[in-house]
Amino acid sequence: MKRTVLGFASLFLFVVSGVAQQPVAVLRYVPVSVAAASEAGAPSTAALWSGLMEGNDRFASGASHQRALVEQRASLAKGQHPHVIVLACSDSRVAPELIFDQSLGDLFVIRAAGNIADPIGLGSMEYAFAHLGSTMLVVLGHTKCGAVTAACSREKMPTPNLQAIVDKINPAVAQVGDSSKGDELVEAAVKQNIHQSAKDVLANSDVLRHAVEDGKLTVIEAEYNIETGRVTRLDGSASH
């Protein structure tokens, strides 16, 4: 059955009223590495993660796919339906589409220093879930994160905006405690901050928390190594 794509105004009413609808986009490009999707519905969590890891293998080994971007761009002008949301750091070395060897329309990406989510980021994720039909959220941190390093310094930041970033990461640093120092402290805090970011998303978004509780959204925590190019899953069994 063909379904109508809702606009932001309709989406707002959908979220507020709690009407049980499943809006999806139509006429979408089927991505190379998550092509397990069928006409009947979204691929499983295992299939989605496997597709991302296969893409990461290609990226890390220098064998990324070449894509017909002109044709993909034309197809996507008709609508989008990304299965995967990625909350990632703004670090210029951490580009999810490249890291997972995905293409236009494959990922719905939210980026902020320290892979943290403010209300705008949360609203963006809610939009992807409720309006675009995304079924997986990957919270992606990375090694040698500058924002986490700044929080580990425990120094006051020079501007209120920079301090706001560090304030969001400080709970993760506090969880790590004083058991490590230097690079070991930063790496431990990076992992804890990934976990903290995932918790914060669900704590601050009723829409996403209920989606997880209802089995409609899966949250995966992962870390990207900027030296090896490899992504490691932190929260489950399937990993590199």
C-alpha atoms as a PDB file:
ATOM      1  CA  MET A   1       0.000   0.000   0.000  1.00  0.00           C
ATOM      2  CA  LYS A   2       1.319   3.418  -0.935  1.00  0.00           C
ATOM      3  CA  ARG A   3       1.505   5.767   2.051  1.00  0.00           C
ATOM      4  CA  THR A   4       1.607   9.538   2.066  1.00  0.00           C
ATOM      5  CA  VAL A   5       4.695  11.339   3.282  1.00  0.00           C
ATOM      6  CA  LEU A   6       3.772  13.716   6.115  1.00  0.00           C
ATOM      7  CA  GLY A   7       5.144  17.247   6.450  1.00  0.00           C
ATOM      8  CA  PHE A   8       6.523  18.754   9.650  1.00  0.00           C
ATOM      9  CA  ALA A   9       3.108  20.173  10.630  1.00  0.00           C
ATOM     10  CA  SER A  10       1.454  16.772  10.283  1.00  0.00           C
ATOM     11  CA  LEU A  11       4.349  15.139  12.080  1.00  0.00           C
ATOM     12  CA  PHE A  12       3.881  17.501  15.028  1.00  0.00           C
ATOM     13  CA  LEU A  13       0.233  16.537  15.279  1.00  0.00           C
ATOM     14  CA  PHE A  14       1.189  12.869  14.954  1.00  0.00           C
ATOM     15  CA  VAL A  15       3.630  13.075  17.870  1.00  0.00           C
ATOM     16  CA  VAL A  16       1.427  15.200  20.131  1.00  0.00           C
ATOM     17  CA  SER A  17      -1.779  13.287  19.562  1.00  0.00           C
ATOM     18  CA  GLY A  18      -0.109   9.881  19.818  1.00  0.00           C
ATOM     19  CA  VAL A  19      -2.060   8.602  16.826  1.00  0.00           C
ATOM     20  CA  ALA A  20      -0.695   5.197  15.852  1.00  0.00           C
ATOM     21  CA  GLN A  21       0.441   5.874  12.322  1.00  0.00           C
ATOM     22  CA  GLN A  22       3.520   4.666  10.465  1.00  0.00           C
ATOM     23  CA  PRO A  23       4.435   7.374   7.918  1.00  0.00           C
ATOM     24  CA  VAL A  24       7.130   6.362   5.465  1.00  0.00           C
ATOM     25  CA  ALA A  25       8.829   7.913   2.469  1.00  0.00           C
ATOM     26  CA  VAL A  26       8.300   6.419  -0.975  1.00  0.00           C
ATOM     27  CA  LEU A  27      10.292   5.974  -4.178  1.00  0.00           C
ATOM     28  CA  ARG A  28      13.607   5.611  -2.398  1.00  0.00           C
ATOM     29  CA  TYR A  29      17.042   4.458  -3.529  1.00  0.00           C
ATOM     30  CA  VAL A  30      18.031   1.072  -2.060  1.00  0.00           C
ATOM     31  CA  PRO A  31      21.575   1.491  -0.670  1.00  0.00           C
ATOM     32  CA  VAL A  32      24.391  -0.848  -1.676  1.00  0.00           C
ATOM     33  CA  SER A  33      25.345  -2.180   1.748  1.00  0.00           C
ATOM     34  CA  VAL A  34      21.983  -2.208   3.488  1.00  0.00           C
ATOM     35  CA  ALA A  35      20.088  -3.657   0.552  1.00  0.00           C
ATOM     36  CA  ALA A  36      18.558  -6.328   2.790  1.00  0.00           C
ATOM     37  CA  ALA A  37      15.487  -4.065   2.894  1.00  0.00           C
ATOM     38  CA  SER A  38      12.514  -5.454   1.032  1.00  0.00           C
ATOM     39  CA  GLU A  39       9.347  -3.961  -0.357  1.00  0.00           C
ATOM     40  CA  ALA A  40       7.525  -5.364   2.671  1.00  0.00           C
ATOM     41  CA  GLY A  41       9.426  -3.467   5.349  1.00  0.00           C
ATOM     42  CA  ALA A  42      12.678  -2.512   7.027  1.00  0.00           C
ATOM     43  CA  PRO A  43      15.581  -4.929   7.440  1.00  0.00           C
ATOM     44  CA  SER A  44      16.303  -6.485  10.806  1.00  0.00           C
ATOM     45  CA  THR A  45      18.663  -4.952  13.338  1.00  0.00           C
ATOM     46  CA  ALA A  46      21.186  -7.708  12.605  1.00  0.00           C
ATOM     47  CA  ALA A  47      21.011  -7.034   8.861  1.00  0.00           C
ATOM     48  CA  LEU A  48      21.420  -3.285   9.331  1.00  0.00           C
ATOM     49  CA  TRP A  49      24.424  -3.642  11.620  1.00  0.00           C
ATOM     50  CA  SER A  50      25.991  -6.280   9.371  1.00  0.00           C
ATOM     51  CA  GLY A  51      25.627  -3.911   6.418  1.00  0.00           C
ATOM     52  CA  LEU A  52      27.319  -1.100   8.336  1.00  0.00           C
ATOM     53  CA  MET A  53      30.182  -3.376   9.400  1.00  0.00           C
ATOM     54  CA  GLU A  54      30.683  -4.657   5.874  1.00  0.00           C
ATOM     55  CA  GLY A  55      30.889  -1.043   4.758  1.00  0.00           C
ATOM     56  CA  ASN A  56      33.374  -0.250   7.520  1.00  0.00           C
ATOM     57  CA  ASP A  57      35.525  -3.190   6.401  1.00  0.00           C
ATOM     58  CA  ARG A  58      35.587  -1.761   2.891  1.00  0.00           C
ATOM     59  CA  PHE A  59      36.450   1.723   4.158  1.00  0.00           C
ATOM     60  CA  ALA A  60      39.223   0.530   6.484  1.00  0.00           C
ATOM     61  CA  SER A  61      40.797  -1.588   3.761  1.00  0.00           C
ATOM     62  CA  GLY A  62      40.558   1.120   1.072  1.00  0.00           C
ATOM     63  CA  ALA A  63      37.959  -0.737  -0.990  1.00  0.00           C
ATOM     64  CA  SER A  64      34.971   1.616  -0.704  1.00  0.00           C
ATOM     65  CA  HIS A  65      32.293   1.264  -3.369  1.00  0.00           C
ATOM     66  CA  GLN A  66      32.087   3.594  -6.331  1.00  0.00           C
ATOM     67  CA  ARG A  67      28.536   4.871  -6.700  1.00  0.00           C
ATOM     68  CA  ALA A  68      26.375   6.361  -9.426  1.00  0.00           C
ATOM     69  CA  LEU A  69      25.700   9.516  -7.425  1.00  0.00           C
ATOM     70  CA  VAL A  70      23.938  11.383 -10.209  1.00  0.00           C
ATOM     71  CA  GLU A  71      21.322   8.641 -10.547  1.00  0.00           C
ATOM     72  CA  GLN A  72      21.012   8.279  -6.782  1.00  0.00           C
ATOM     73  CA  ARG A  73      20.549  12.013  -6.370  1.00  0.00           C
ATOM     74  CA  ALA A  74      17.736  12.028  -8.928  1.00  0.00           C
ATOM     75  CA  SER A  75      15.981   9.105  -7.240  1.00  0.00           C
ATOM     76  CA  LEU A  76      16.289  10.630  -3.776  1.00  0.00           C
ATOM     77  CA  ALA A  77      14.707  13.878  -4.947  1.00  0.00           C
ATOM     78  CA  LYS A  78      11.437  11.950  -4.771  1.00  0.00           C
ATOM     79  CA  GLY A  79      11.873  11.075  -1.072  1.00  0.00           C
ATOM     80  CA  GLN A  80      14.146   9.562   1.564  1.00  0.00           C
ATOM     81  CA  HIS A  81      13.864   6.591   3.879  1.00  0.00           C
ATOM     82  CA  PRO A  82      17.122   6.088   5.822  1.00  0.00           C
ATOM     83  CA  HIS A  83      16.942   3.082   8.119  1.00  0.00           C
ATOM     84  CA  VAL A  84      19.800   4.261  10.345  1.00  0.00           C
ATOM     85  CA  ILE A  85      20.228   7.405  12.461  1.00  0.00           C
ATOM     86  CA  VAL A  86      23.793   8.228  13.513  1.00  0.00           C
ATOM     87  CA  LEU A  87      24.633  10.558  16.393  1.00  0.00           C
ATOM     88  CA  ALA A  88      28.303  11.355  15.829  1.00  0.00           C
ATOM     89  CA  CYS A  89      30.999  13.863  16.738  1.00  0.00           C
ATOM     90  CA  SER A  90      31.593  16.921  14.560  1.00  0.00           C
ATOM     91  CA  ASP A  91      35.301  16.044  14.310  1.00  0.00           C
ATOM     92  CA  SER A  92      36.349  16.486  10.667  1.00  0.00           C
ATOM     93  CA  ARG A  93      37.946  13.027  10.696  1.00  0.00           C
ATOM     94  CA  VAL A  94      34.692  11.328  11.630  1.00  0.00           C
ATOM     95  CA  ALA A  95      32.320  11.273   8.645  1.00  0.00           C
ATOM     96  CA  PRO A  96      29.742   8.475   9.134  1.00  0.00           C
ATOM     97  CA  GLU A  97      28.875   8.126   5.441  1.00  0.00           C
ATOM     98  CA  LEU A  98      32.541   7.494   4.646  1.00  0.00           C
ATOM     99  CA  ILE A  99      33.331   5.391   7.731  1.00  0.00           C
ATOM    100  CA  PHE A 100      30.456   2.999   6.987  1.00  0.00           C
ATOM    101  CA  ASP A 101      30.866   3.282   3.185  1.00  0.00           C
ATOM    102  CA  GLN A 102      27.294   4.474   2.727  1.00  0.00           C
ATOM    103  CA  SER A 103      25.881   6.897   0.196  1.00  0.00           C
ATOM    104  CA  LEU A 104      23.255   9.575  -0.295  1.00  0.00           C
ATOM    105  CA  GLY A 105      20.046   8.724   1.514  1.00  0.00           C
ATOM    106  CA  ASP A 106      21.491   5.858   3.564  1.00  0.00           C
ATOM    107  CA  LEU A 107      22.080   7.557   6.933  1.00  0.00           C
ATOM    108  CA  PHE A 108      20.301  10.314   8.866  1.00  0.00           C
ATOM    109  CA  VAL A 109      23.238  11.982  10.617  1.00  0.00           C
ATOM    110  CA  ILE A 110      23.269  14.337  13.607  1.00  0.00           C
ATOM    111  CA  ARG A 111      26.701  15.685  14.546  1.00  0.00           C
ATOM    112  CA  ALA A 112      27.888  17.742  17.507  1.00  0.00           C
ATOM    113  CA  ALA A 113      31.202  17.988  19.329  1.00  0.00           C
ATOM    114  CA  GLY A 114      31.460  15.072  21.743  1.00  0.00           C
ATOM    115  CA  ASN A 115      28.540  13.227  20.054  1.00  0.00           C
ATOM    116  CA  ILE A 116      26.084  14.849  22.435  1.00  0.00           C
ATOM    117  CA  ALA A 117      22.464  15.722  21.655  1.00  0.00           C
ATOM    118  CA  ASP A 118      20.769  19.008  22.533  1.00  0.00           C
ATOM    119  CA  PRO A 119      17.017  19.557  21.994  1.00  0.00           C
ATOM    120  CA  ILE A 120      17.553  20.296  18.292  1.00  0.00           C
ATOM    121  CA  GLY A 121      19.497  17.062  17.857  1.00  0.00           C
ATOM    122  CA  LEU A 122      16.837  15.139  19.757  1.00  0.00           C
ATOM    123  CA  GLY A 123      14.107  16.663  17.631  1.00  0.00           C
ATOM    124  CA  SER A 124      16.012  15.672  14.507  1.00  0.00           C
ATOM    125  CA  MET A 125      16.197  12.066  15.705  1.00  0.00           C
ATOM    126  CA  GLU A 126      12.505  12.067  16.588  1.00  0.00           C
ATOM    127  CA  TYR A 127      11.765  13.311  13.070  1.00  0.00           C
ATOM    128  CA  ALA A 128      13.839  10.521  11.518  1.00  0.00           C
ATOM    129  CA  PHE A 129      12.067   7.872  13.561  1.00  0.00           C
ATOM    130  CA  ALA A 130       8.487   9.135  13.311  1.00  0.00           C
ATOM    131  CA  HIS A 131       8.546  10.633   9.812  1.00  0.00           C
ATOM    132  CA  LEU A 132      11.203   8.720   7.870  1.00  0.00           C
ATOM    133  CA  GLY A 133      10.835   5.291   9.456  1.00  0.00           C
ATOM    134  CA  SER A 134      14.376   4.909  10.838  1.00  0.00           C
ATOM    135  CA  THR A 135      14.688   1.843  13.065  1.00  0.00           C
ATOM    136  CA  MET A 136      18.262   2.027  14.367  1.00  0.00           C
ATOM    137  CA  LEU A 137      20.229   4.712  16.208  1.00  0.00           C
ATOM    138  CA  VAL A 138      24.014   4.411  16.314  1.00  0.00           C
ATOM    139  CA  VAL A 139      25.691   6.589  18.952  1.00  0.00           C
ATOM    140  CA  LEU A 140      29.198   6.897  17.516  1.00  0.00           C
ATOM    141  CA  GLY A 141      32.118   8.270  19.517  1.00  0.00           C
ATOM    142  CA  HIS A 142      35.762   8.150  18.515  1.00  0.00           C
ATOM    143  CA  THR A 143      39.276   7.889  19.856  1.00  0.00           C
ATOM    144  CA  LYS A 144      41.235  11.046  20.669  1.00  0.00           C
ATOM    145  CA  CYS A 145      38.064  13.136  20.920  1.00  0.00           C
ATOM    146  CA  GLY A 146      38.943  16.797  21.509  1.00  0.00           C
ATOM    147  CA  ALA A 147      35.727  17.566  23.373  1.00  0.00           C
ATOM    148  CA  VAL A 148      36.265  14.672  25.772  1.00  0.00           C
ATOM    149  CA  THR A 149      39.912  15.666  26.194  1.00  0.00           C
ATOM    150  CA  ALA A 150      38.798  19.182  27.169  1.00  0.00           C
ATOM    151  CA  ALA A 151      36.411  17.758  29.759  1.00  0.00           C
ATOM    152  CA  CYS A 152      39.167  15.541  31.158  1.00  0.00           C
ATOM    153  CA  SER A 153      41.351  18.632  31.676  1.00  0.00           C
ATOM    154  CA  ARG A 154      38.767  19.857  34.208  1.00  0.00           C
ATOM    155  CA  GLU A 155      39.596  23.414  33.159  1.00  0.00           C
ATOM    156  CA  LYS A 156      36.988  26.153  32.698  1.00  0.00           C
ATOM    157  CA  MET A 157      36.294  26.795  29.025  1.00  0.00           C
ATOM    158  CA  PRO A 158      36.842  30.304  27.579  1.00  0.00           C
ATOM    159  CA  THR A 159      33.247  30.785  26.364  1.00  0.00           C
ATOM    160  CA  PRO A 160      29.794  29.781  27.688  1.00  0.00           C
ATOM    161  CA  ASN A 161      29.092  27.801  24.524  1.00  0.00           C
ATOM    162  CA  LEU A 162      32.256  25.723  24.852  1.00  0.00           C
ATOM    163  CA  GLN A 163      31.500  25.236  28.536  1.00  0.00           C
ATOM    164  CA  ALA A 164      28.040  23.914  27.627  1.00  0.00           C
ATOM    165  CA  ILE A 165      29.670  21.139  25.591  1.00  0.00           C
ATOM    166  CA  VAL A 166      32.042  20.202  28.398  1.00  0.00           C
ATOM    167  CA  ASP A 167      29.215  20.282  30.950  1.00  0.00           C
ATOM    168  CA  LYS A 168      27.408  17.568  28.984  1.00  0.00           C
ATOM    169  CA  ILE A 169      30.532  15.376  28.991  1.00  0.00           C
ATOM    170  CA  ASN A 170      31.572  15.976  32.610  1.00  0.00           C
ATOM    171  CA  PRO A 171      29.269  13.252  34.032  1.00  0.00           C
ATOM    172  CA  ALA A 172      31.088  10.662  31.908  1.00  0.00           C
ATOM    173  CA  VAL A 173      34.469  11.899  33.158  1.00  0.00           C
ATOM    174  CA  ALA A 174      33.209  11.744  36.730  1.00  0.00           C
ATOM    175  CA  GLN A 175      32.076   8.154  36.192  1.00  0.00           C
ATOM    176  CA  VAL A 176      35.574   7.162  35.097  1.00  0.00           C
ATOM    177  CA  GLY A 177      37.030   8.721  38.251  1.00  0.00           C
ATOM    178  CA  ASP A 178      40.707   9.119  38.985  1.00  0.00           C
ATOM    179  CA  SER A 179      41.762   5.558  38.183  1.00  0.00           C
ATOM    180  CA  SER A 180      43.446   6.643  34.931  1.00  0.00           C
ATOM    181  CA  LYS A 181      45.448   9.595  33.686  1.00  0.00           C
ATOM    182  CA  GLY A 182      46.544  11.067  30.391  1.00  0.00           C
ATOM    183  CA  ASP A 183      45.598   9.135  27.248  1.00  0.00           C
ATOM    184  CA  GLU A 184      44.147   6.269  29.291  1.00  0.00           C
ATOM    185  CA  LEU A 185      41.785   8.667  31.061  1.00  0.00           C
ATOM    186  CA  VAL A 186      40.658  10.205  27.766  1.00  0.00           C
ATOM    187  CA  GLU A 187      39.999   6.798  26.183  1.00  0.00           C
ATOM    188  CA  ALA A 188      38.054   5.577  29.208  1.00  0.00           C
ATOM    189  CA  ALA A 189      36.045   8.811  29.207  1.00  0.00           C
ATOM    190  CA  VAL A 190      35.366   8.510  25.465  1.00  0.00           C
ATOM    191  CA  LYS A 191      33.752   5.108  25.979  1.00  0.00           C
ATOM    192  CA  GLN A 192      31.795   6.295  29.017  1.00  0.00           C
ATOM    193  CA  ASN A 193      30.633   9.386  27.131  1.00  0.00           C
ATOM    194  CA  ILE A 194      29.253   7.220  24.329  1.00  0.00           C
ATOM    195  CA  HIS A 195      27.247   5.334  26.931  1.00  0.00           C
ATOM    196  CA  GLN A 196      26.205   8.586  28.630  1.00  0.00           C
ATOM    197  CA  SER A 197      25.082  10.106  25.316  1.00  0.00           C
ATOM    198  CA  ALA A 198      22.923   7.082  24.557  1.00  0.00           C
ATOM    199  CA  LYS A 199      21.351   7.293  28.022  1.00  0.00           C
ATOM    200  CA  ASP A 200      20.771  11.035  27.653  1.00  0.00           C
ATOM    201  CA  VAL A 201      18.962  10.565  24.341  1.00  0.00           C
ATOM    202  CA  LEU A 202      16.437   8.201  25.886  1.00  0.00           C
ATOM    203  CA  ALA A 203      16.156  10.178  29.119  1.00  0.00           C
ATOM    204  CA  ASN A 204      15.326  13.386  27.263  1.00  0.00           C
ATOM    205  CA  SER A 205      13.079  12.106  24.464  1.00  0.00           C
ATOM    206  CA  ASP A 206       9.797  10.401  25.291  1.00  0.00           C
ATOM    207  CA  VAL A 207       9.329   9.582  21.607  1.00  0.00           C
ATOM    208  CA  LEU A 208      12.625   7.712  21.269  1.00  0.00           C
ATOM    209  CA  ARG A 209      12.400   6.050  24.683  1.00  0.00           C
ATOM    210  CA  HIS A 210       8.938   4.688  23.931  1.00  0.00           C
ATOM    211  CA  ALA A 211      10.160   3.568  20.497  1.00  0.00           C
ATOM    212  CA  VAL A 212      12.899   1.513  22.175  1.00  0.00           C
ATOM    213  CA  GLU A 213      10.485   0.129  24.770  1.00  0.00           C
ATOM    214  CA  ASP A 214       8.065  -0.885  22.002  1.00  0.00           C
ATOM    215  CA  GLY A 215      10.829  -2.604  20.017  1.00  0.00           C
ATOM    216  CA  LYS A 216      10.571  -0.141  17.128  1.00  0.00           C
ATOM    217  CA  LEU A 217      14.026   1.427  17.577  1.00  0.00           C
ATOM    218  CA  THR A 218      17.352  -0.187  18.451  1.00  0.00           C
ATOM    219  CA  VAL A 219      20.182   1.847  19.996  1.00  0.00           C
ATOM    220  CA  ILE A 220      23.758   0.720  19.355  1.00  0.00           C
ATOM    221  CA  GLU A 221      26.826   2.259  20.987  1.00  0.00           C
ATOM    222  CA  ALA A 222      30.043   2.210  18.961  1.00  0.00           C
ATOM    223  CA  GLU A 223      33.517   3.732  18.836  1.00  0.00           C
ATOM    224  CA  TYR A 224      35.513   4.707  15.755  1.00  0.00           C
ATOM    225  CA  ASN A 225      39.297   4.445  15.851  1.00  0.00           C
ATOM    226  CA  ILE A 226      40.673   7.356  13.849  1.00  0.00           C
ATOM    227  CA  GLU A 227      43.995   5.561  13.308  1.00  0.00           C
ATOM    228  CA  THR A 228      42.789   2.156  12.122  1.00  0.00           C
ATOM    229  CA  GLY A 229      39.524   3.260  10.520  1.00  0.00           C
ATOM    230  CA  ARG A 230      37.676   0.514  12.392  1.00  0.00           C
ATOM    231  CA  VAL A 231      34.374   0.794  14.248  1.00  0.00           C
ATOM    232  CA  THR A 232      33.875  -1.325  17.375  1.00  0.00           C
ATOM    233  CA  ARG A 233      30.499  -2.012  18.911  1.00  0.00           C
ATOM    234  CA  LEU A 234      30.561  -1.377  22.661  1.00  0.00           C
ATOM    235  CA  ASP A 235      27.146  -2.502  23.811  1.00  0.00           C
ATOM    236  CA  GLY A 236      26.594  -5.968  22.383  1.00  0.00           C
ATOM    237  CA  SER A 237      27.924  -9.182  20.935  1.00  0.00           C
ATOM    238  CA  ALA A 238      28.321  -8.289  17.249  1.00  0.00           C
ATOM    239  CA  SER A 239      31.524  -6.288  16.876  1.00  0.00           C
ATOM    240  CA  HIS A 240      34.975  -6.048  15.352  1.00  0.00           C
END
